[in-house]
Amino acid sequence: MSRQPRDPTQVTAQPALTGSTGRRWLIWGALLGAVALVVLGLLVQVEPVTALIGCGLVVLLYIAMVVVRVAVRPHRARLLTLAWLLGAMAACALVCVLLVGAVARLTTG
């Protein structure tokens, strides 16, 4: 039985997951990390613990992206892992910002 050709309209068929070197994931991760660190850095005055934990998570996830880019050899696995790490970085930053807002709201209200 022959394999059917990959549907180019599928999300998993995009060039960033099939033919990339992984450099674009690191670039976007650095940009996202910089924005997240600036926002969380400004929120340290409001809720230091949560904001600093968020900063630490963002930095650790970016370090993990760099390690995966260098260490993981299977092309597809590397790109999927980088995509997941970028998504995790965005989710962690968002959750930390929302937690800071919730804590600030509860303590002032």
PDB file of N, CA and C in Angstrom:
ATOM      1  N   MET A   1       0.850  -1.169   0.000  1.00  0.00           N
ATOM      2  CA  MET A   1       0.000   0.000   0.000  1.00  0.00           C
ATOM      3  C   MET A   1       0.900   1.237   0.000  1.00  0.00           C
ATOM      4  N   SER A   2       0.672   2.148  -0.899  1.00  0.00           N
ATOM      5  CA  SER A   2       1.510   3.344  -1.001  1.00  0.00           C
ATOM      6  C   SER A   2       0.988   4.435  -0.074  1.00  0.00           C
ATOM      7  N   ARG A   3       1.938   5.252   0.377  1.00  0.00           N
ATOM      8  CA  ARG A   3       1.561   6.388   1.225  1.00  0.00           C
ATOM      9  C   ARG A   3       0.932   7.464   0.375  1.00  0.00           C
ATOM     10  N   GLN A   4      -0.098   8.071   0.903  1.00  0.00           N
ATOM     11  CA  GLN A   4      -0.730   9.175   0.196  1.00  0.00           C
ATOM     12  C   GLN A   4       0.120  10.421   0.380  1.00  0.00           C
ATOM     13  N   PRO A   5       0.151  11.302  -0.612  1.00  0.00           N
ATOM     14  CA  PRO A   5       0.955  12.516  -0.463  1.00  0.00           C
ATOM     15  C   PRO A   5       0.418  13.392   0.667  1.00  0.00           C
ATOM     16  N   ARG A   6       1.341  14.106   1.298  1.00  0.00           N
ATOM     17  CA  ARG A   6       0.980  14.978   2.411  1.00  0.00           C
ATOM     18  C   ARG A   6       0.139  16.145   1.902  1.00  0.00           C
ATOM     19  N   ASP A   7      -0.930  16.428   2.620  1.00  0.00           N
ATOM     20  CA  ASP A   7      -1.826  17.535   2.279  1.00  0.00           C
ATOM     21  C   ASP A   7      -1.145  18.847   2.647  1.00  0.00           C
ATOM     22  N   PRO A   8      -0.873  19.737   1.674  1.00  0.00           N
ATOM     23  CA  PRO A   8      -0.157  20.980   1.984  1.00  0.00           C
ATOM     24  C   PRO A   8      -0.960  21.963   2.824  1.00  0.00           C
ATOM     25  N   THR A   9      -2.252  21.694   3.015  1.00  0.00           N
ATOM     26  CA  THR A   9      -3.057  22.616   3.821  1.00  0.00           C
ATOM     27  C   THR A   9      -3.057  22.251   5.299  1.00  0.00           C
ATOM     28  N   GLN A  10      -2.453  21.130   5.669  1.00  0.00           N
ATOM     29  CA  GLN A  10      -2.392  20.742   7.073  1.00  0.00           C
ATOM     30  C   GLN A  10      -1.395  21.619   7.825  1.00  0.00           C
ATOM     31  N   VAL A  11      -1.677  21.848   9.086  1.00  0.00           N
ATOM     32  CA  VAL A  11      -0.786  22.654   9.911  1.00  0.00           C
ATOM     33  C   VAL A  11       0.591  22.012  10.013  1.00  0.00           C
ATOM     34  N   THR A  12       0.628  20.693  10.102  1.00  0.00           N
ATOM     35  CA  THR A  12       1.905  20.010  10.255  1.00  0.00           C
ATOM     36  C   THR A  12       2.716  19.949   8.963  1.00  0.00           C
ATOM     37  N   ALA A  13       2.163  20.453   7.867  1.00  0.00           N
ATOM     38  CA  ALA A  13       2.881  20.446   6.593  1.00  0.00           C
ATOM     39  C   ALA A  13       3.522  21.798   6.281  1.00  0.00           C
ATOM     40  N   GLN A  14       3.473  22.728   7.204  1.00  0.00           N
ATOM     41  CA  GLN A  14       4.048  24.049   6.950  1.00  0.00           C
ATOM     42  C   GLN A  14       5.573  23.977   6.882  1.00  0.00           C
ATOM     43  N   PRO A  15       6.197  24.866   6.123  1.00  0.00           N
ATOM     44  CA  PRO A  15       7.650  24.818   5.963  1.00  0.00           C
ATOM     45  C   PRO A  15       8.429  24.916   7.273  1.00  0.00           C
ATOM     46  N   ALA A  16       7.906  25.611   8.261  1.00  0.00           N
ATOM     47  CA  ALA A  16       8.615  25.748   9.534  1.00  0.00           C
ATOM     48  C   ALA A  16       8.716  24.418  10.277  1.00  0.00           C
ATOM     49  N   LEU A  17       7.862  23.441   9.917  1.00  0.00           N
ATOM     50  CA  LEU A  17       7.906  22.135  10.565  1.00  0.00           C
ATOM     51  C   LEU A  17       8.443  21.036   9.654  1.00  0.00           C
ATOM     52  N   THR A  18       8.714  21.372   8.404  1.00  0.00           N
ATOM     53  CA  THR A  18       9.174  20.334   7.478  1.00  0.00           C
ATOM     54  C   THR A  18      10.536  20.624   6.862  1.00  0.00           C
ATOM     55  N   GLY A  19      10.848  21.875   6.605  1.00  0.00           N
ATOM     56  CA  GLY A  19      12.089  22.160   5.896  1.00  0.00           C
ATOM     57  C   GLY A  19      12.966  23.215   6.531  1.00  0.00           C
ATOM     58  N   SER A  20      12.737  23.518   7.767  1.00  0.00           N
ATOM     59  CA  SER A  20      13.496  24.561   8.452  1.00  0.00           C
ATOM     60  C   SER A  20      14.718  23.969   9.147  1.00  0.00           C
ATOM     61  N   THR A  21      15.693  24.820   9.396  1.00  0.00           N
ATOM     62  CA  THR A  21      16.860  24.397  10.166  1.00  0.00           C
ATOM     63  C   THR A  21      16.619  24.533  11.661  1.00  0.00           C
ATOM     64  N   GLY A  22      15.595  25.249  12.054  1.00  0.00           N
ATOM     65  CA  GLY A  22      15.308  25.501  13.458  1.00  0.00           C
ATOM     66  C   GLY A  22      15.719  26.896  13.886  1.00  0.00           C
ATOM     67  N   ARG A  23      16.440  27.591  13.019  1.00  0.00           N
ATOM     68  CA  ARG A  23      16.894  28.944  13.364  1.00  0.00           C
ATOM     69  C   ARG A  23      15.722  29.898  13.543  1.00  0.00           C
ATOM     70  N   ARG A  24      14.700  29.760  12.698  1.00  0.00           N
ATOM     71  CA  ARG A  24      13.554  30.680  12.824  1.00  0.00           C
ATOM     72  C   ARG A  24      12.830  30.489  14.146  1.00  0.00           C
ATOM     73  N   TRP A  25      12.800  29.253  14.659  1.00  0.00           N
ATOM     74  CA  TRP A  25      12.181  29.030  15.965  1.00  0.00           C
ATOM     75  C   TRP A  25      12.967  29.727  17.066  1.00  0.00           C
ATOM     76  N   LEU A  26      14.285  29.708  16.959  1.00  0.00           N
ATOM     77  CA  LEU A  26      15.111  30.394  17.959  1.00  0.00           C
ATOM     78  C   LEU A  26      14.936  31.906  17.880  1.00  0.00           C
ATOM     79  N   ILE A  27      14.814  32.432  16.669  1.00  0.00           N
ATOM     80  CA  ILE A  27      14.614  33.878  16.513  1.00  0.00           C
ATOM     81  C   ILE A  27      13.288  34.300  17.126  1.00  0.00           C
ATOM     82  N   TRP A  28      12.214  33.579  16.775  1.00  0.00           N
ATOM     83  CA  TRP A  28      10.910  33.922  17.331  1.00  0.00           C
ATOM     84  C   TRP A  28      10.871  33.684  18.843  1.00  0.00           C
ATOM     85  N   GLY A  29      11.571  32.655  19.306  1.00  0.00           N
ATOM     86  CA  GLY A  29      11.656  32.410  20.743  1.00  0.00           C
ATOM     87  C   GLY A  29      12.370  33.533  21.473  1.00  0.00           C
ATOM     88  N   ALA A  30      13.434  34.064  20.851  1.00  0.00           N
ATOM     89  CA  ALA A  30      14.157  35.186  21.463  1.00  0.00           C
ATOM     90  C   ALA A  30      13.279  36.433  21.515  1.00  0.00           C
ATOM     91  N   LEU A  31      12.537  36.685  20.443  1.00  0.00           N
ATOM     92  CA  LEU A  31      11.643  37.849  20.436  1.00  0.00           C
ATOM     93  C   LEU A  31      10.534  37.701  21.471  1.00  0.00           C
ATOM     94  N   LEU A  32       9.913  36.531  21.507  1.00  0.00           N
ATOM     95  CA  LEU A  32       8.866  36.290  22.492  1.00  0.00           C
ATOM     96  C   LEU A  32       9.429  36.369  23.910  1.00  0.00           C
ATOM     97  N   GLY A  33      10.606  35.785  24.110  1.00  0.00           N
ATOM     98  CA  GLY A  33      11.232  35.823  25.426  1.00  0.00           C
ATOM     99  C   GLY A  33      11.559  37.235  25.871  1.00  0.00           C
ATOM    100  N   ALA A  34      12.048  38.053  24.955  1.00  0.00           N
ATOM    101  CA  ALA A  34      12.373  39.441  25.296  1.00  0.00           C
ATOM    102  C   ALA A  34      11.122  40.210  25.711  1.00  0.00           C
ATOM    103  N   VAL A  35      10.055  40.057  24.950  1.00  0.00           N
ATOM    104  CA  VAL A  35       8.804  40.747  25.288  1.00  0.00           C
ATOM    105  C   VAL A  35       8.273  40.250  26.630  1.00  0.00           C
ATOM    106  N   ALA A  36       8.293  38.938  26.833  1.00  0.00           N
ATOM    107  CA  ALA A  36       7.790  38.375  28.087  1.00  0.00           C
ATOM    108  C   ALA A  36       8.626  38.848  29.274  1.00  0.00           C
ATOM    109  N   LEU A  37       9.944  38.892  29.101  1.00  0.00           N
ATOM    110  CA  LEU A  37      10.805  39.338  30.200  1.00  0.00           C
ATOM    111  C   LEU A  37      10.587  40.809  30.526  1.00  0.00           C
ATOM    112  N   VAL A  38      10.361  41.624  29.516  1.00  0.00           N
ATOM    113  CA  VAL A  38      10.083  43.047  29.768  1.00  0.00           C
ATOM    114  C   VAL A  38       8.776  43.198  30.539  1.00  0.00           C
ATOM    115  N   VAL A  39       7.733  42.517  30.069  1.00  0.00           N
ATOM    116  CA  VAL A  39       6.429  42.626  30.739  1.00  0.00           C
ATOM    117  C   VAL A  39       6.505  42.084  32.162  1.00  0.00           C
ATOM    118  N   LEU A  40       7.078  40.901  32.320  1.00  0.00           N
ATOM    119  CA  LEU A  40       7.184  40.329  33.666  1.00  0.00           C
ATOM    120  C   LEU A  40       8.140  41.139  34.544  1.00  0.00           C
ATOM    121  N   GLY A  41       9.169  41.713  33.953  1.00  0.00           N
ATOM    122  CA  GLY A  41      10.079  42.561  34.711  1.00  0.00           C
ATOM    123  C   GLY A  41       9.378  43.791  35.257  1.00  0.00           C
ATOM    124  N   LEU A  42       8.480  44.351  34.466  1.00  0.00           N
ATOM    125  CA  LEU A  42       7.710  45.501  34.951  1.00  0.00           C
ATOM    126  C   LEU A  42       6.724  45.107  36.045  1.00  0.00           C
ATOM    127  N   LEU A  43       6.294  43.842  36.023  1.00  0.00           N
ATOM    128  CA  LEU A  43       5.321  43.386  37.020  1.00  0.00           C
ATOM    129  C   LEU A  43       5.970  42.907  38.318  1.00  0.00           C
ATOM    130  N   VAL A  44       7.297  42.900  38.387  1.00  0.00           N
ATOM    131  CA  VAL A  44       7.986  42.473  39.609  1.00  0.00           C
ATOM    132  C   VAL A  44       7.598  43.363  40.785  1.00  0.00           C
ATOM    133  N   GLN A  45       7.351  44.630  40.528  1.00  0.00           N
ATOM    134  CA  GLN A  45       6.963  45.544  41.605  1.00  0.00           C
ATOM    135  C   GLN A  45       5.593  45.203  42.172  1.00  0.00           C
ATOM    136  N   VAL A  46       4.726  44.632  41.336  1.00  0.00           N
ATOM    137  CA  VAL A  46       3.369  44.310  41.781  1.00  0.00           C
ATOM    138  C   VAL A  46       3.339  43.006  42.566  1.00  0.00           C
ATOM    139  N   GLU A  47       3.909  41.956  42.000  1.00  0.00           N
ATOM    140  CA  GLU A  47       3.936  40.628  42.624  1.00  0.00           C
ATOM    141  C   GLU A  47       5.280  39.977  42.311  1.00  0.00           C
ATOM    142  N   PRO A  48       6.275  40.185  43.173  1.00  0.00           N
ATOM    143  CA  PRO A  48       7.637  39.749  42.852  1.00  0.00           C
ATOM    144  C   PRO A  48       7.801  38.249  42.638  1.00  0.00           C
ATOM    145  N   VAL A  49       7.194  37.432  43.464  1.00  0.00           N
ATOM    146  CA  VAL A  49       7.427  35.983  43.393  1.00  0.00           C
ATOM    147  C   VAL A  49       6.923  35.416  42.072  1.00  0.00           C
ATOM    148  N   THR A  50       5.685  35.706  41.742  1.00  0.00           N
ATOM    149  CA  THR A  50       5.095  35.174  40.513  1.00  0.00           C
ATOM    150  C   THR A  50       5.821  35.698  39.279  1.00  0.00           C
ATOM    151  N   ALA A  51       6.142  36.977  39.266  1.00  0.00           N
ATOM    152  CA  ALA A  51       6.815  37.565  38.110  1.00  0.00           C
ATOM    153  C   ALA A  51       8.223  36.990  37.938  1.00  0.00           C
ATOM    154  N   LEU A  52       8.940  36.799  39.036  1.00  0.00           N
ATOM    155  CA  LEU A  52      10.285  36.234  38.935  1.00  0.00           C
ATOM    156  C   LEU A  52      10.259  34.762  38.531  1.00  0.00           C
ATOM    157  N   ILE A  53       9.279  34.020  39.007  1.00  0.00           N
ATOM    158  CA  ILE A  53       9.129  32.630  38.571  1.00  0.00           C
ATOM    159  C   ILE A  53       8.838  32.595  37.068  1.00  0.00           C
ATOM    160  N   GLY A  54       7.992  33.505  36.605  1.00  0.00           N
ATOM    161  CA  GLY A  54       7.707  33.585  35.179  1.00  0.00           C
ATOM    162  C   GLY A  54       8.947  33.915  34.362  1.00  0.00           C
ATOM    163  N   CYS A  55       9.752  34.850  34.851  1.00  0.00           N
ATOM    164  CA  CYS A  55      11.003  35.192  34.164  1.00  0.00           C
ATOM    165  C   CYS A  55      11.927  33.980  34.106  1.00  0.00           C
ATOM    166  N   GLY A  56      12.026  33.268  35.203  1.00  0.00           N
ATOM    167  CA  GLY A  56      12.869  32.079  35.240  1.00  0.00           C
ATOM    168  C   GLY A  56      12.396  31.005  34.274  1.00  0.00           C
ATOM    169  N   LEU A  57      11.093  30.797  34.212  1.00  0.00           N
ATOM    170  CA  LEU A  57      10.549  29.803  33.290  1.00  0.00           C
ATOM    171  C   LEU A  57      10.805  30.178  31.834  1.00  0.00           C
ATOM    172  N   VAL A  58      10.640  31.444  31.511  1.00  0.00           N
ATOM    173  CA  VAL A  58      10.887  31.900  30.143  1.00  0.00           C
ATOM    174  C   VAL A  58      12.347  31.669  29.762  1.00  0.00           C
ATOM    175  N   VAL A  59      13.245  32.014  30.658  1.00  0.00           N
ATOM    176  CA  VAL A  59      14.675  31.811  30.384  1.00  0.00           C
ATOM    177  C   VAL A  59      14.992  30.329  30.244  1.00  0.00           C
ATOM    178  N   LEU A  60      14.471  29.491  31.135  1.00  0.00           N
ATOM    179  CA  LEU A  60      14.726  28.056  31.065  1.00  0.00           C
ATOM    180  C   LEU A  60      14.167  27.436  29.787  1.00  0.00           C
ATOM    181  N   LEU A  61      12.998  27.868  29.377  1.00  0.00           N
ATOM    182  CA  LEU A  61      12.421  27.326  28.143  1.00  0.00           C
ATOM    183  C   LEU A  61      13.224  27.754  26.918  1.00  0.00           C
ATOM    184  N   TYR A  62      13.760  28.961  26.930  1.00  0.00           N
ATOM    185  CA  TYR A  62      14.596  29.368  25.794  1.00  0.00           C
ATOM    186  C   TYR A  62      15.910  28.582  25.788  1.00  0.00           C
ATOM    187  N   ILE A  63      16.489  28.368  26.958  1.00  0.00           N
ATOM    188  CA  ILE A  63      17.703  27.541  27.033  1.00  0.00           C
ATOM    189  C   ILE A  63      17.409  26.139  26.508  1.00  0.00           C
ATOM    190  N   ALA A  64      16.231  25.598  26.863  1.00  0.00           N
ATOM    191  CA  ALA A  64      15.842  24.282  26.357  1.00  0.00           C
ATOM    192  C   ALA A  64      15.721  24.297  24.836  1.00  0.00           C
ATOM    193  N   MET A  65      15.224  25.403  24.272  1.00  0.00           N
ATOM    194  CA  MET A  65      15.127  25.513  22.813  1.00  0.00           C
ATOM    195  C   MET A  65      16.512  25.469  22.171  1.00  0.00           C
ATOM    196  N   VAL A  66      17.449  26.173  22.759  1.00  0.00           N
ATOM    197  CA  VAL A  66      18.821  26.179  22.216  1.00  0.00           C
ATOM    198  C   VAL A  66      19.435  24.788  22.313  1.00  0.00           C
ATOM    199  N   VAL A  67      19.227  24.116  23.441  1.00  0.00           N
ATOM    200  CA  VAL A  67      19.774  22.764  23.616  1.00  0.00           C
ATOM    201  C   VAL A  67      19.159  21.807  22.596  1.00  0.00           C
ATOM    202  N   VAL A  68      17.854  21.892  22.394  1.00  0.00           N
ATOM    203  CA  VAL A  68      17.193  21.022  21.415  1.00  0.00           C
ATOM    204  C   VAL A  68      17.718  21.309  20.019  1.00  0.00           C
ATOM    205  N   ARG A  69      17.899  22.565  19.684  1.00  0.00           N
ATOM    206  CA  ARG A  69      18.393  22.934  18.354  1.00  0.00           C
ATOM    207  C   ARG A  69      19.776  22.341  18.091  1.00  0.00           C
ATOM    208  N   VAL A  70      20.602  22.280  19.126  1.00  0.00           N
ATOM    209  CA  VAL A  70      21.961  21.779  18.972  1.00  0.00           C
ATOM    210  C   VAL A  70      22.021  20.253  19.110  1.00  0.00           C
ATOM    211  N   ALA A  71      21.266  19.693  20.043  1.00  0.00           N
ATOM    212  CA  ALA A  71      21.459  18.295  20.415  1.00  0.00           C
ATOM    213  C   ALA A  71      20.573  17.295  19.674  1.00  0.00           C
ATOM    214  N   VAL A  72      19.366  17.676  19.299  1.00  0.00           N
ATOM    215  CA  VAL A  72      18.438  16.718  18.693  1.00  0.00           C
ATOM    216  C   VAL A  72      18.712  16.616  17.200  1.00  0.00           C
ATOM    217  N   ARG A  73      18.976  15.421  16.734  1.00  0.00           N
ATOM    218  CA  ARG A  73      19.345  15.214  15.332  1.00  0.00           C
ATOM    219  C   ARG A  73      18.180  14.936  14.389  1.00  0.00           C
ATOM    220  N   PRO A  74      17.193  14.100  14.744  1.00  0.00           N
ATOM    221  CA  PRO A  74      16.120  13.875  13.771  1.00  0.00           C
ATOM    222  C   PRO A  74      15.415  15.193  13.443  1.00  0.00           C
ATOM    223  N   HIS A  75      15.394  15.501  12.172  1.00  0.00           N
ATOM    224  CA  HIS A  75      14.926  16.809  11.712  1.00  0.00           C
ATOM    225  C   HIS A  75      13.498  17.121  12.182  1.00  0.00           C
ATOM    226  N   ARG A  76      12.574  16.236  11.911  1.00  0.00           N
ATOM    227  CA  ARG A  76      11.165  16.475  12.247  1.00  0.00           C
ATOM    228  C   ARG A  76      10.963  16.576  13.758  1.00  0.00           C
ATOM    229  N   ALA A  77      11.600  15.705  14.507  1.00  0.00           N
ATOM    230  CA  ALA A  77      11.469  15.731  15.967  1.00  0.00           C
ATOM    231  C   ALA A  77      12.005  17.042  16.536  1.00  0.00           C
ATOM    232  N   ARG A  78      13.107  17.529  16.000  1.00  0.00           N
ATOM    233  CA  ARG A  78      13.691  18.780  16.469  1.00  0.00           C
ATOM    234  C   ARG A  78      12.734  19.939  16.232  1.00  0.00           C
ATOM    235  N   LEU A  79      12.156  20.017  15.049  1.00  0.00           N
ATOM    236  CA  LEU A  79      11.274  21.129  14.721  1.00  0.00           C
ATOM    237  C   LEU A  79       9.983  21.088  15.533  1.00  0.00           C
ATOM    238  N   LEU A  80       9.430  19.903  15.718  1.00  0.00           N
ATOM    239  CA  LEU A  80       8.216  19.796  16.533  1.00  0.00           C
ATOM    240  C   LEU A  80       8.498  20.155  17.992  1.00  0.00           C
ATOM    241  N   THR A  81       9.639  19.738  18.503  1.00  0.00           N
ATOM    242  CA  THR A  81       9.999  20.059  19.883  1.00  0.00           C
ATOM    243  C   THR A  81      10.200  21.561  20.055  1.00  0.00           C
ATOM    244  N   LEU A  82      10.853  22.189  19.081  1.00  0.00           N
ATOM    245  CA  LEU A  82      11.036  23.642  19.150  1.00  0.00           C
ATOM    246  C   LEU A  82       9.686  24.366  19.123  1.00  0.00           C
ATOM    247  N   ALA A  83       8.771  23.883  18.304  1.00  0.00           N
ATOM    248  CA  ALA A  83       7.442  24.496  18.237  1.00  0.00           C
ATOM    249  C   ALA A  83       6.719  24.359  19.580  1.00  0.00           C
ATOM    250  N   TRP A  84       6.787  23.179  20.182  1.00  0.00           N
ATOM    251  CA  TRP A  84       6.142  22.971  21.477  1.00  0.00           C
ATOM    252  C   TRP A  84       6.772  23.831  22.569  1.00  0.00           C
ATOM    253  N   LEU A  85       8.082  23.953  22.552  1.00  0.00           N
ATOM    254  CA  LEU A  85       8.750  24.781  23.554  1.00  0.00           C
ATOM    255  C   LEU A  85       8.381  26.255  23.399  1.00  0.00           C
ATOM    256  N   LEU A  86       8.254  26.720  22.164  1.00  0.00           N
ATOM    257  CA  LEU A  86       7.835  28.104  21.935  1.00  0.00           C
ATOM    258  C   LEU A  86       6.417  28.321  22.462  1.00  0.00           C
ATOM    259  N   GLY A  87       5.540  27.368  22.199  1.00  0.00           N
ATOM    260  CA  GLY A  87       4.174  27.461  22.717  1.00  0.00           C
ATOM    261  C   GLY A  87       4.136  27.426  24.230  1.00  0.00           C
ATOM    262  N   ALA A  88       4.979  26.579  24.827  1.00  0.00           N
ATOM    263  CA  ALA A  88       5.037  26.503  26.289  1.00  0.00           C
ATOM    264  C   ALA A  88       5.548  27.811  26.881  1.00  0.00           C
ATOM    265  N   MET A  89       6.507  28.430  26.196  1.00  0.00           N
ATOM    266  CA  MET A  89       7.028  29.714  26.668  1.00  0.00           C
ATOM    267  C   MET A  89       5.922  30.771  26.663  1.00  0.00           C
ATOM    268  N   ALA A  90       5.162  30.824  25.594  1.00  0.00           N
ATOM    269  CA  ALA A  90       4.063  31.791  25.500  1.00  0.00           C
ATOM    270  C   ALA A  90       3.009  31.513  26.573  1.00  0.00           C
ATOM    271  N   ALA A  91       2.672  30.241  26.760  1.00  0.00           N
ATOM    272  CA  ALA A  91       1.652  29.885  27.752  1.00  0.00           C
ATOM    273  C   ALA A  91       2.116  30.218  29.170  1.00  0.00           C
ATOM    274  N   CYS A  92       3.357  29.917  29.497  1.00  0.00           N
ATOM    275  CA  CYS A  92       3.883  30.222  30.840  1.00  0.00           C
ATOM    276  C   CYS A  92       3.886  31.716  31.101  1.00  0.00           C
ATOM    277  N   ALA A  93       4.321  32.481  30.125  1.00  0.00           N
ATOM    278  CA  ALA A  93       4.344  33.939  30.293  1.00  0.00           C
ATOM    279  C   ALA A  93       2.925  34.479  30.495  1.00  0.00           C
ATOM    280  N   LEU A  94       1.988  33.985  29.691  1.00  0.00           N
ATOM    281  CA  LEU A  94       0.607  34.449  29.811  1.00  0.00           C
ATOM    282  C   LEU A  94       0.017  34.083  31.165  1.00  0.00           C
ATOM    283  N   VAL A  95       0.222  32.857  31.597  1.00  0.00           N
ATOM    284  CA  VAL A  95      -0.311  32.429  32.896  1.00  0.00           C
ATOM    285  C   VAL A  95       0.284  33.267  34.024  1.00  0.00           C
ATOM    286  N   CYS A  96       1.557  33.544  33.974  1.00  0.00           N
ATOM    287  CA  CYS A  96       2.192  34.348  35.028  1.00  0.00           C
ATOM    288  C   CYS A  96       1.660  35.781  35.037  1.00  0.00           C
ATOM    289  N   VAL A  97       1.471  36.361  33.871  1.00  0.00           N
ATOM    290  CA  VAL A  97       0.909  37.719  33.807  1.00  0.00           C
ATOM    291  C   VAL A  97      -0.508  37.721  34.366  1.00  0.00           C
ATOM    292  N   LEU A  98      -1.299  36.713  34.010  1.00  0.00           N
ATOM    293  CA  LEU A  98      -2.664  36.639  34.537  1.00  0.00           C
ATOM    294  C   LEU A  98      -2.673  36.406  36.046  1.00  0.00           C
ATOM    295  N   LEU A  99      -1.748  35.599  36.543  1.00  0.00           N
ATOM    296  CA  LEU A  99      -1.658  35.387  37.993  1.00  0.00           C
ATOM    297  C   LEU A  99      -1.270  36.659  38.728  1.00  0.00           C
ATOM    298  N   VAL A 100      -0.336  37.400  38.160  1.00  0.00           N
ATOM    299  CA  VAL A 100       0.044  38.673  38.788  1.00  0.00           C
ATOM    300  C   VAL A 100      -1.164  39.602  38.839  1.00  0.00           C
ATOM    301  N   GLY A 101      -1.909  39.670  37.751  1.00  0.00           N
ATOM    302  CA  GLY A 101      -3.116  40.510  37.720  1.00  0.00           C
ATOM    303  C   GLY A 101      -4.154  40.050  38.725  1.00  0.00           C
ATOM    304  N   ALA A 102      -4.351  38.751  38.839  1.00  0.00           N
ATOM    305  CA  ALA A 102      -5.336  38.221  39.783  1.00  0.00           C
ATOM    306  C   ALA A 102      -4.922  38.499  41.230  1.00  0.00           C
ATOM    307  N   VAL A 103      -3.659  38.280  41.522  1.00  0.00           N
ATOM    308  CA  VAL A 103      -3.169  38.536  42.889  1.00  0.00           C
ATOM    309  C   VAL A 103      -3.271  40.011  43.212  1.00  0.00           C
ATOM    310  N   ALA A 104      -2.906  40.870  42.276  1.00  0.00           N
ATOM    311  CA  ALA A 104      -3.003  42.307  42.510  1.00  0.00           C
ATOM    312  C   ALA A 104      -4.451  42.738  42.727  1.00  0.00           C
ATOM    313  N   ARG A 105      -5.335  42.140  41.975  1.00  0.00           N
ATOM    314  CA  ARG A 105      -6.753  42.467  42.112  1.00  0.00           C
ATOM    315  C   ARG A 105      -7.286  42.023  43.473  1.00  0.00           C
ATOM    316  N   LEU A 106      -6.884  40.844  43.901  1.00  0.00           N
ATOM    317  CA  LEU A 106      -7.371  40.321  45.181  1.00  0.00           C
ATOM    318  C   LEU A 106      -6.798  41.081  46.376  1.00  0.00           C
ATOM    319  N   THR A 107      -5.570  41.547  46.260  1.00  0.00           N
ATOM    320  CA  THR A 107      -4.965  42.233  47.407  1.00  0.00           C
ATOM    321  C   THR A 107      -5.410  43.697  47.517  1.00  0.00           C
ATOM    322  N   THR A 108      -5.825  44.308  46.406  1.00  0.00           N
ATOM    323  CA  THR A 108      -6.238  45.712  46.473  1.00  0.00           C
ATOM    324  C   THR A 108      -7.738  45.859  46.585  1.00  0.00           C
ATOM    325  N   GLY A 109      -8.479  44.840  46.246  1.00  0.00           N
ATOM    326  CA  GLY A 109      -9.932  44.959  46.184  1.00  0.00           C
ATOM    327  C   GLY A 109     -10.588  44.520  47.414  1.00  0.00           C
TER     328      GLY A 109
END
